[in-house]
């Protein structure tokens, strides 16, 4: 995370990344104080793998995810209610390498080029036009970030009916019960009724105004990531092995910086 943060910051300023950057070294030195082995040993392997992911570096930026992170909706077919569990999608958090420094968001763009000298240029243009016409509404809105009109869910009525049917079934079964079971089901029915009332508002839109506003603010801090950028270098088997050796304390920070910078220099010279 620290390495990619510095790489993104430098790329956004058209600067060449270096593992010998004083700010990066200082960040890695602070991270060294964290005991990864101790945190892993604190829970069993089963618990570690079953715990929900706290941080993800692979967040897929799209409007529907943003909307769900702001307006989480409880699934109507859930059988267990646990108010302590966060059921929302992950929310993107823009980070910077220095206090007071604006964070950056790397994005990728796909371009289509048409050869004007081709005998089939007209057909190519029609294909692109047809492709754009059939894009989903969320993607079109992302291509037009100035748009602030909420996107309604075409399946809204079907979704509400399904939830109403599920609630009716719960009530029907509730009326056949007695005693402690009935008391427990009454609490569940009351909870679901309240959630469904909220969902009548939340489910109407695939993407609401809040998600559109958040997306627009994120784009204001974005830069276009080039193909084959620094992340490709980090994903090389040799770098994965080097980072793993450093994390497991097989090598120290100085050796890690020296070897990583050497591999980076080789890639830049190729």
C-alpha atoms as a PDB file:
ATOM      1  CA  UNK A   1       0.000   0.000   0.000  1.00  0.00           C
ATOM      2  CA  UNK A   2       2.762   2.472   0.935  1.00  0.00           C
ATOM      3  CA  UNK A   3       4.729   1.721  -2.239  1.00  0.00           C
ATOM      4  CA  UNK A   4       1.753   2.083  -4.567  1.00  0.00           C
ATOM      5  CA  UNK A   5       0.702   5.316  -2.840  1.00  0.00           C
ATOM      6  CA  UNK A   6       4.085   6.887  -3.541  1.00  0.00           C
ATOM      7  CA  UNK A   7       4.111   5.503  -7.090  1.00  0.00           C
ATOM      8  CA  UNK A   8       0.699   7.047  -7.822  1.00  0.00           C
ATOM      9  CA  UNK A   9       1.669  10.394  -6.331  1.00  0.00           C
ATOM     10  CA  UNK A  10       4.839  10.557  -8.429  1.00  0.00           C
ATOM     11  CA  UNK A  11       3.117   9.394 -11.613  1.00  0.00           C
ATOM     12  CA  UNK A  12       0.444  12.077 -11.227  1.00  0.00           C
ATOM     13  CA  UNK A  13       3.227  14.690 -11.152  1.00  0.00           C
ATOM     14  CA  UNK A  14       5.161  13.081 -14.046  1.00  0.00           C
ATOM     15  CA  UNK A  15       8.006  12.255 -11.666  1.00  0.00           C
ATOM     16  CA  UNK A  16      10.113   9.089 -11.799  1.00  0.00           C
ATOM     17  CA  UNK A  17       9.476   6.727  -8.902  1.00  0.00           C
ATOM     18  CA  UNK A  18      12.425   5.630  -6.775  1.00  0.00           C
ATOM     19  CA  UNK A  19      12.626   3.243  -3.856  1.00  0.00           C
ATOM     20  CA  UNK A  20      15.239   5.549  -2.367  1.00  0.00           C
ATOM     21  CA  UNK A  21      12.719   8.364  -1.926  1.00  0.00           C
ATOM     22  CA  UNK A  22      13.146   9.645   1.671  1.00  0.00           C
ATOM     23  CA  UNK A  23       9.402   9.844   2.231  1.00  0.00           C
ATOM     24  CA  UNK A  24       8.865   6.227   1.151  1.00  0.00           C
ATOM     25  CA  UNK A  25      11.736   4.998   3.321  1.00  0.00           C
ATOM     26  CA  UNK A  26      10.313   6.875   6.307  1.00  0.00           C
ATOM     27  CA  UNK A  27       6.892   5.285   5.748  1.00  0.00           C
ATOM     28  CA  UNK A  28       8.386   1.801   5.506  1.00  0.00           C
ATOM     29  CA  UNK A  29      10.363   2.416   8.692  1.00  0.00           C
ATOM     30  CA  UNK A  30       7.118   3.269  10.516  1.00  0.00           C
ATOM     31  CA  UNK A  31       5.456   0.139   9.145  1.00  0.00           C
ATOM     32  CA  UNK A  32       8.316  -1.998  10.471  1.00  0.00           C
ATOM     33  CA  UNK A  33       7.069  -1.302  13.996  1.00  0.00           C
ATOM     34  CA  UNK A  34       3.874  -3.213  13.203  1.00  0.00           C
ATOM     35  CA  UNK A  35       4.144  -6.894  14.097  1.00  0.00           C
ATOM     36  CA  UNK A  36       2.393  -8.821  11.342  1.00  0.00           C
ATOM     37  CA  UNK A  37       3.250 -12.210  12.866  1.00  0.00           C
ATOM     38  CA  UNK A  38       1.714 -11.221  16.180  1.00  0.00           C
ATOM     39  CA  UNK A  39      -1.549 -10.100  14.580  1.00  0.00           C
ATOM     40  CA  UNK A  40      -1.806 -13.388  12.667  1.00  0.00           C
ATOM     41  CA  UNK A  41      -1.054 -15.522  15.743  1.00  0.00           C
ATOM     42  CA  UNK A  42      -3.763 -13.722  17.710  1.00  0.00           C
ATOM     43  CA  UNK A  43      -6.480 -15.709  15.910  1.00  0.00           C
ATOM     44  CA  UNK A  44      -6.705 -19.205  14.500  1.00  0.00           C
ATOM     45  CA  UNK A  45      -6.159 -19.767  10.781  1.00  0.00           C
ATOM     46  CA  UNK A  46      -9.881 -20.520  10.344  1.00  0.00           C
ATOM     47  CA  UNK A  47     -10.859 -17.244  12.013  1.00  0.00           C
ATOM     48  CA  UNK A  48      -8.297 -15.308   9.993  1.00  0.00           C
ATOM     49  CA  UNK A  49      -9.664 -16.546   6.674  1.00  0.00           C
ATOM     50  CA  UNK A  50     -13.303 -16.149   7.703  1.00  0.00           C
ATOM     51  CA  UNK A  51     -12.916 -12.561   8.895  1.00  0.00           C
ATOM     52  CA  UNK A  52     -14.302  -9.930   6.484  1.00  0.00           C
ATOM     53  CA  UNK A  53     -11.701  -8.092   4.457  1.00  0.00           C
ATOM     54  CA  UNK A  54     -10.895  -4.731   6.020  1.00  0.00           C
ATOM     55  CA  UNK A  55      -8.760  -3.137   3.313  1.00  0.00           C
ATOM     56  CA  UNK A  56      -8.732  -3.961  -0.377  1.00  0.00           C
ATOM     57  CA  UNK A  57      -6.359  -2.494  -2.942  1.00  0.00           C
ATOM     58  CA  UNK A  58      -8.464  -3.786  -5.807  1.00  0.00           C
ATOM     59  CA  UNK A  59     -11.568  -1.652  -5.445  1.00  0.00           C
ATOM     60  CA  UNK A  60     -13.413  -1.580  -8.770  1.00  0.00           C
ATOM     61  CA  UNK A  61     -14.550   2.000  -9.232  1.00  0.00           C
ATOM     62  CA  UNK A  62     -18.043   2.146 -10.646  1.00  0.00           C
ATOM     63  CA  UNK A  63     -21.149   4.100  -9.801  1.00  0.00           C
ATOM     64  CA  UNK A  64     -23.191   1.166  -8.569  1.00  0.00           C
ATOM     65  CA  UNK A  65     -20.516   0.199  -6.017  1.00  0.00           C
ATOM     66  CA  UNK A  66     -20.365   3.794  -4.846  1.00  0.00           C
ATOM     67  CA  UNK A  67     -24.143   3.886  -4.466  1.00  0.00           C
ATOM     68  CA  UNK A  68     -24.186   0.614  -2.505  1.00  0.00           C
ATOM     69  CA  UNK A  69     -21.454   1.845  -0.182  1.00  0.00           C
ATOM     70  CA  UNK A  70     -23.546   4.919   0.621  1.00  0.00           C
ATOM     71  CA  UNK A  71     -26.980   3.273   0.590  1.00  0.00           C
ATOM     72  CA  UNK A  72     -26.545  -0.374   1.712  1.00  0.00           C
ATOM     73  CA  UNK A  73     -29.640  -2.527   1.274  1.00  0.00           C
ATOM     74  CA  UNK A  74     -30.350  -5.593   3.382  1.00  0.00           C
ATOM     75  CA  UNK A  75     -31.153  -8.686   1.236  1.00  0.00           C
ATOM     76  CA  UNK A  76     -34.798  -9.687   1.527  1.00  0.00           C
ATOM     77  CA  UNK A  77     -33.982 -13.409   1.672  1.00  0.00           C
ATOM     78  CA  UNK A  78     -31.620 -13.143   4.661  1.00  0.00           C
ATOM     79  CA  UNK A  79     -32.456 -15.483   7.506  1.00  0.00           C
ATOM     80  CA  UNK A  80     -30.110 -14.108  10.139  1.00  0.00           C
ATOM     81  CA  UNK A  81     -30.213 -10.595  11.500  1.00  0.00           C
ATOM     82  CA  UNK A  82     -27.035  -9.252  13.051  1.00  0.00           C
ATOM     83  CA  UNK A  83     -27.054  -5.505  13.533  1.00  0.00           C
ATOM     84  CA  UNK A  84     -23.352  -5.562  14.418  1.00  0.00           C
ATOM     85  CA  UNK A  85     -22.355  -6.772  10.920  1.00  0.00           C
ATOM     86  CA  UNK A  86     -21.633  -4.125   8.326  1.00  0.00           C
ATOM     87  CA  UNK A  87     -23.375  -5.320   5.182  1.00  0.00           C
ATOM     88  CA  UNK A  88     -22.353  -2.395   2.990  1.00  0.00           C
ATOM     89  CA  UNK A  89     -19.884  -2.581   0.174  1.00  0.00           C
ATOM     90  CA  UNK A  90     -16.412  -1.232   0.747  1.00  0.00           C
ATOM     91  CA  UNK A  91     -16.107   2.523   0.455  1.00  0.00           C
ATOM     92  CA  UNK A  92     -13.160   3.961  -1.490  1.00  0.00           C
ATOM     93  CA  UNK A  93     -10.811   5.988   0.649  1.00  0.00           C
ATOM     94  CA  UNK A  94      -8.350   8.276  -1.097  1.00  0.00           C
ATOM     95  CA  UNK A  95      -5.022   8.419   0.714  1.00  0.00           C
ATOM     96  CA  UNK A  96      -2.045  10.729   0.358  1.00  0.00           C
ATOM     97  CA  UNK A  97       1.609  10.296   1.274  1.00  0.00           C
ATOM     98  CA  UNK A  98       1.826  13.523   3.267  1.00  0.00           C
ATOM     99  CA  UNK A  99      -0.479  15.400   5.625  1.00  0.00           C
ATOM    100  CA  UNK A 100      -2.151  18.240   3.751  1.00  0.00           C
ATOM    101  CA  UNK A 101      -1.272  16.811   0.352  1.00  0.00           C
ATOM    102  CA  UNK A 102      -4.168  16.125  -2.003  1.00  0.00           C
ATOM    103  CA  UNK A 103      -4.625  12.392  -2.706  1.00  0.00           C
ATOM    104  CA  UNK A 104      -4.737  11.095  -6.260  1.00  0.00           C
ATOM    105  CA  UNK A 105      -6.870   8.456  -7.926  1.00  0.00           C
ATOM    106  CA  UNK A 106      -5.352   6.432 -10.787  1.00  0.00           C
ATOM    107  CA  UNK A 107      -7.852   5.575 -13.510  1.00  0.00           C
ATOM    108  CA  UNK A 108      -7.643   3.798 -16.857  1.00  0.00           C
ATOM    109  CA  UNK A 109      -9.281   4.869 -20.101  1.00  0.00           C
ATOM    110  CA  UNK A 110     -10.077   2.790 -23.186  1.00  0.00           C
ATOM    111  CA  UNK A 111      -9.810   4.525 -26.546  1.00  0.00           C
ATOM    112  CA  UNK A 112     -11.101   3.473 -29.953  1.00  0.00           C
ATOM    113  CA  UNK A 113      -9.262   4.751 -33.032  1.00  0.00           C
ATOM    114  CA  UNK A 114     -10.666   4.669 -36.551  1.00  0.00           C
ATOM    115  CA  UNK A 115      -8.358   4.781 -39.548  1.00  0.00           C
ATOM    116  CA  UNK A 116      -9.660   7.637 -41.753  1.00  0.00           C
ATOM    117  CA  UNK A 117      -7.988   6.035 -44.784  1.00  0.00           C
ATOM    118  CA  UNK A 118      -9.844   2.753 -44.383  1.00  0.00           C
ATOM    119  CA  UNK A 119     -12.493   1.752 -46.926  1.00  0.00           C
ATOM    120  CA  UNK A 120     -14.654   0.634 -43.992  1.00  0.00           C
ATOM    121  CA  UNK A 121     -14.372   3.775 -41.868  1.00  0.00           C
ATOM    122  CA  UNK A 122     -18.146   4.397 -42.093  1.00  0.00           C
ATOM    123  CA  UNK A 123     -18.892   0.878 -40.835  1.00  0.00           C
ATOM    124  CA  UNK A 124     -16.440   1.348 -37.977  1.00  0.00           C
ATOM    125  CA  UNK A 125     -18.124   4.607 -36.972  1.00  0.00           C
ATOM    126  CA  UNK A 126     -21.539   2.947 -37.000  1.00  0.00           C
ATOM    127  CA  UNK A 127     -20.184   0.120 -34.849  1.00  0.00           C
ATOM    128  CA  UNK A 128     -18.842   2.569 -32.250  1.00  0.00           C
ATOM    129  CA  UNK A 129     -22.136   4.480 -32.260  1.00  0.00           C
ATOM    130  CA  UNK A 130     -24.081   1.244 -31.760  1.00  0.00           C
ATOM    131  CA  UNK A 131     -21.723   0.181 -28.974  1.00  0.00           C
ATOM    132  CA  UNK A 132     -22.253   3.458 -27.098  1.00  0.00           C
ATOM    133  CA  UNK A 133     -26.027   3.261 -27.520  1.00  0.00           C
ATOM    134  CA  UNK A 134     -26.103  -0.145 -25.828  1.00  0.00           C
ATOM    135  CA  UNK A 135     -23.913   0.703 -22.849  1.00  0.00           C
ATOM    136  CA  UNK A 136     -25.630   0.445 -19.475  1.00  0.00           C
ATOM    137  CA  UNK A 137     -26.764   3.681 -17.861  1.00  0.00           C
ATOM    138  CA  UNK A 138     -24.128   3.570 -15.108  1.00  0.00           C
ATOM    139  CA  UNK A 139     -21.274   3.351 -17.626  1.00  0.00           C
ATOM    140  CA  UNK A 140     -22.724   6.162 -19.704  1.00  0.00           C
ATOM    141  CA  UNK A 141     -22.972   8.322 -16.598  1.00  0.00           C
ATOM    142  CA  UNK A 142     -19.309   7.603 -15.816  1.00  0.00           C
ATOM    143  CA  UNK A 143     -18.403   8.764 -19.312  1.00  0.00           C
ATOM    144  CA  UNK A 144     -20.358  11.960 -18.645  1.00  0.00           C
ATOM    145  CA  UNK A 145     -19.268  12.899 -15.099  1.00  0.00           C
ATOM    146  CA  UNK A 146     -21.016  16.260 -15.257  1.00  0.00           C
ATOM    147  CA  UNK A 147     -24.374  14.458 -15.188  1.00  0.00           C
ATOM    148  CA  UNK A 148     -26.149  14.646 -11.825  1.00  0.00           C
ATOM    149  CA  UNK A 149     -29.444  12.923 -12.701  1.00  0.00           C
ATOM    150  CA  UNK A 150     -30.082   9.811 -10.552  1.00  0.00           C
ATOM    151  CA  UNK A 151     -30.381   6.513 -12.416  1.00  0.00           C
ATOM    152  CA  UNK A 152     -33.600   4.663 -11.645  1.00  0.00           C
ATOM    153  CA  UNK A 153     -33.685   0.870 -11.328  1.00  0.00           C
ATOM    154  CA  UNK A 154     -35.870  -0.609 -14.118  1.00  0.00           C
ATOM    155  CA  UNK A 155     -36.530  -3.649 -11.903  1.00  0.00           C
ATOM    156  CA  UNK A 156     -37.653  -1.568  -8.938  1.00  0.00           C
ATOM    157  CA  UNK A 157     -41.295  -2.725  -8.972  1.00  0.00           C
ATOM    158  CA  UNK A 158     -40.273  -6.398  -9.226  1.00  0.00           C
ATOM    159  CA  UNK A 159     -37.815  -6.043  -6.356  1.00  0.00           C
ATOM    160  CA  UNK A 160     -40.384  -4.372  -4.108  1.00  0.00           C
ATOM    161  CA  UNK A 161     -42.964  -7.041  -4.917  1.00  0.00           C
ATOM    162  CA  UNK A 162     -40.470  -9.780  -4.051  1.00  0.00           C
ATOM    163  CA  UNK A 163     -39.782  -8.136  -0.696  1.00  0.00           C
ATOM    164  CA  UNK A 164     -43.482  -7.637  -0.003  1.00  0.00           C
ATOM    165  CA  UNK A 165     -44.110 -11.320  -0.783  1.00  0.00           C
ATOM    166  CA  UNK A 166     -41.271 -12.364   1.521  1.00  0.00           C
ATOM    167  CA  UNK A 167     -42.637 -10.178   4.319  1.00  0.00           C
ATOM    168  CA  UNK A 168     -46.141 -11.596   3.815  1.00  0.00           C
ATOM    169  CA  UNK A 169     -44.773 -15.125   4.117  1.00  0.00           C
ATOM    170  CA  UNK A 170     -43.056 -14.217   7.369  1.00  0.00           C
ATOM    171  CA  UNK A 171     -46.303 -12.810   8.741  1.00  0.00           C
ATOM    172  CA  UNK A 172     -48.229 -15.887   7.628  1.00  0.00           C
ATOM    173  CA  UNK A 173     -45.801 -18.205   9.409  1.00  0.00           C
ATOM    174  CA  UNK A 174     -45.713 -15.927  12.459  1.00  0.00           C
ATOM    175  CA  UNK A 175     -49.461 -16.310  12.944  1.00  0.00           C
ATOM    176  CA  UNK A 176     -49.063 -20.085  13.277  1.00  0.00           C
ATOM    177  CA  UNK A 177     -46.565 -19.889  16.134  1.00  0.00           C
ATOM    178  CA  UNK A 178     -46.855 -19.411  19.900  1.00  0.00           C
ATOM    179  CA  UNK A 179     -44.732 -18.791  22.966  1.00  0.00           C
ATOM    180  CA  UNK A 180     -41.040 -17.936  22.771  1.00  0.00           C
ATOM    181  CA  UNK A 181     -40.831 -18.737  19.062  1.00  0.00           C
ATOM    182  CA  UNK A 182     -43.604 -16.281  18.302  1.00  0.00           C
ATOM    183  CA  UNK A 183     -41.914 -13.564  20.375  1.00  0.00           C
ATOM    184  CA  UNK A 184     -38.641 -14.050  18.496  1.00  0.00           C
ATOM    185  CA  UNK A 185     -40.372 -14.016  15.103  1.00  0.00           C
ATOM    186  CA  UNK A 186     -42.309 -10.873  16.040  1.00  0.00           C
ATOM    187  CA  UNK A 187     -39.008  -9.083  16.700  1.00  0.00           C
ATOM    188  CA  UNK A 188     -37.658 -10.286  13.370  1.00  0.00           C
ATOM    189  CA  UNK A 189     -40.822  -9.267  11.554  1.00  0.00           C
ATOM    190  CA  UNK A 190     -40.705  -5.792  13.084  1.00  0.00           C
ATOM    191  CA  UNK A 191     -37.057  -5.415  12.063  1.00  0.00           C
ATOM    192  CA  UNK A 192     -37.679  -6.533   8.487  1.00  0.00           C
ATOM    193  CA  UNK A 193     -40.739  -4.295   8.200  1.00  0.00           C
ATOM    194  CA  UNK A 194     -38.667  -1.256   9.146  1.00  0.00           C
ATOM    195  CA  UNK A 195     -35.871  -2.214   6.763  1.00  0.00           C
ATOM    196  CA  UNK A 196     -38.283  -2.815   3.891  1.00  0.00           C
ATOM    197  CA  UNK A 197     -39.844   0.613   4.407  1.00  0.00           C
ATOM    198  CA  UNK A 198     -36.381   2.137   4.053  1.00  0.00           C
ATOM    199  CA  UNK A 199     -35.684  -0.012   0.986  1.00  0.00           C
ATOM    200  CA  UNK A 200     -38.694   1.426  -0.813  1.00  0.00           C
ATOM    201  CA  UNK A 201     -36.661   4.616  -1.013  1.00  0.00           C
ATOM    202  CA  UNK A 202     -33.170   3.140  -1.336  1.00  0.00           C
ATOM    203  CA  UNK A 203     -34.013   0.612  -4.052  1.00  0.00           C
ATOM    204  CA  UNK A 204     -35.611   3.100  -6.420  1.00  0.00           C
ATOM    205  CA  UNK A 205     -32.236   4.155  -7.811  1.00  0.00           C
ATOM    206  CA  UNK A 206     -29.303   2.159  -9.132  1.00  0.00           C
ATOM    207  CA  UNK A 207     -27.246   5.295  -8.637  1.00  0.00           C
ATOM    208  CA  UNK A 208     -28.351   8.213  -6.465  1.00  0.00           C
ATOM    209  CA  UNK A 209     -27.273  11.834  -6.293  1.00  0.00           C
ATOM    210  CA  UNK A 210     -24.848  11.173  -3.427  1.00  0.00           C
ATOM    211  CA  UNK A 211     -22.939   8.554  -5.414  1.00  0.00           C
ATOM    212  CA  UNK A 212     -22.781  10.831  -8.458  1.00  0.00           C
ATOM    213  CA  UNK A 213     -21.469  13.682  -6.328  1.00  0.00           C
ATOM    214  CA  UNK A 214     -18.837  11.414  -4.739  1.00  0.00           C
ATOM    215  CA  UNK A 215     -17.748  10.160  -8.165  1.00  0.00           C
ATOM    216  CA  UNK A 216     -17.378  13.708  -9.470  1.00  0.00           C
ATOM    217  CA  UNK A 217     -15.252  14.710  -6.487  1.00  0.00           C
ATOM    218  CA  UNK A 218     -13.035  11.649  -6.965  1.00  0.00           C
ATOM    219  CA  UNK A 219     -12.484  12.379 -10.655  1.00  0.00           C
ATOM    220  CA  UNK A 220     -11.286  15.849  -9.726  1.00  0.00           C
ATOM    221  CA  UNK A 221      -8.315  14.121  -8.053  1.00  0.00           C
ATOM    222  CA  UNK A 222      -7.643  11.544 -10.749  1.00  0.00           C
ATOM    223  CA  UNK A 223      -4.919  10.973 -13.316  1.00  0.00           C
ATOM    224  CA  UNK A 224      -4.808   8.571 -16.259  1.00  0.00           C
ATOM    225  CA  UNK A 225      -2.640   5.577 -15.491  1.00  0.00           C
ATOM    226  CA  UNK A 226      -0.520   4.430 -18.421  1.00  0.00           C
ATOM    227  CA  UNK A 227      -0.592   0.867 -19.707  1.00  0.00           C
ATOM    228  CA  UNK A 228       2.194  -1.300 -18.302  1.00  0.00           C
ATOM    229  CA  UNK A 229       2.847   1.072 -15.442  1.00  0.00           C
ATOM    230  CA  UNK A 230       4.617   0.585 -12.122  1.00  0.00           C
ATOM    231  CA  UNK A 231       2.020  -1.864 -10.828  1.00  0.00           C
ATOM    232  CA  UNK A 232       3.005  -4.330 -13.543  1.00  0.00           C
ATOM    233  CA  UNK A 233       6.555  -4.155 -12.171  1.00  0.00           C
ATOM    234  CA  UNK A 234       5.318  -4.879  -8.637  1.00  0.00           C
ATOM    235  CA  UNK A 235       3.405  -7.944  -9.846  1.00  0.00           C
ATOM    236  CA  UNK A 236       6.494  -9.616 -11.305  1.00  0.00           C
ATOM    237  CA  UNK A 237       7.389 -12.893  -9.550  1.00  0.00           C
ATOM    238  CA  UNK A 238      10.829 -11.561  -8.594  1.00  0.00           C
ATOM    239  CA  UNK A 239       9.309  -8.512  -6.888  1.00  0.00           C
ATOM    240  CA  UNK A 240       6.657 -10.616  -5.155  1.00  0.00           C
ATOM    241  CA  UNK A 241       9.420 -12.825  -3.784  1.00  0.00           C
ATOM    242  CA  UNK A 242      11.485  -9.806  -2.698  1.00  0.00           C
ATOM    243  CA  UNK A 243       8.539  -8.180  -0.904  1.00  0.00           C
ATOM    244  CA  UNK A 244       7.660 -11.485   0.751  1.00  0.00           C
ATOM    245  CA  UNK A 245      11.235 -11.886   2.038  1.00  0.00           C
ATOM    246  CA  UNK A 246      11.118  -8.377   3.465  1.00  0.00           C
ATOM    247  CA  UNK A 247       7.728  -8.874   5.136  1.00  0.00           C
ATOM    248  CA  UNK A 248       8.932 -12.132   6.729  1.00  0.00           C
ATOM    249  CA  UNK A 249      12.040 -10.333   8.058  1.00  0.00           C
ATOM    250  CA  UNK A 250      14.366 -12.507   5.987  1.00  0.00           C
ATOM    251  CA  UNK A 251      16.034  -9.302   4.799  1.00  0.00           C
ATOM    252  CA  UNK A 252      16.137  -5.824   6.319  1.00  0.00           C
ATOM    253  CA  UNK A 253      14.849  -2.561   4.928  1.00  0.00           C
ATOM    254  CA  UNK A 254      18.225  -1.443   3.571  1.00  0.00           C
ATOM    255  CA  UNK A 255      18.681  -4.630   1.567  1.00  0.00           C
ATOM    256  CA  UNK A 256      15.089  -4.493   0.344  1.00  0.00           C
ATOM    257  CA  UNK A 257      15.529  -0.918  -0.902  1.00  0.00           C
ATOM    258  CA  UNK A 258      18.817  -1.796  -2.607  1.00  0.00           C
ATOM    259  CA  UNK A 259      17.475  -4.884  -4.402  1.00  0.00           C
ATOM    260  CA  UNK A 260      14.143  -3.273  -5.320  1.00  0.00           C
ATOM    261  CA  UNK A 261      15.839  -0.179  -6.736  1.00  0.00           C
ATOM    262  CA  UNK A 262      18.206  -2.415  -8.707  1.00  0.00           C
ATOM    263  CA  UNK A 263      15.326  -4.355 -10.274  1.00  0.00           C
ATOM    264  CA  UNK A 264      13.496  -1.109 -11.028  1.00  0.00           C
ATOM    265  CA  UNK A 265      16.599   0.307 -12.722  1.00  0.00           C
ATOM    266  CA  UNK A 266      16.882  -2.814 -14.900  1.00  0.00           C
ATOM    267  CA  UNK A 267      13.242  -2.466 -15.992  1.00  0.00           C
ATOM    268  CA  UNK A 268      13.664   1.238 -16.794  1.00  0.00           C
ATOM    269  CA  UNK A 269      16.729   0.513 -18.903  1.00  0.00           C
ATOM    270  CA  UNK A 270      15.035  -2.191 -20.964  1.00  0.00           C
END
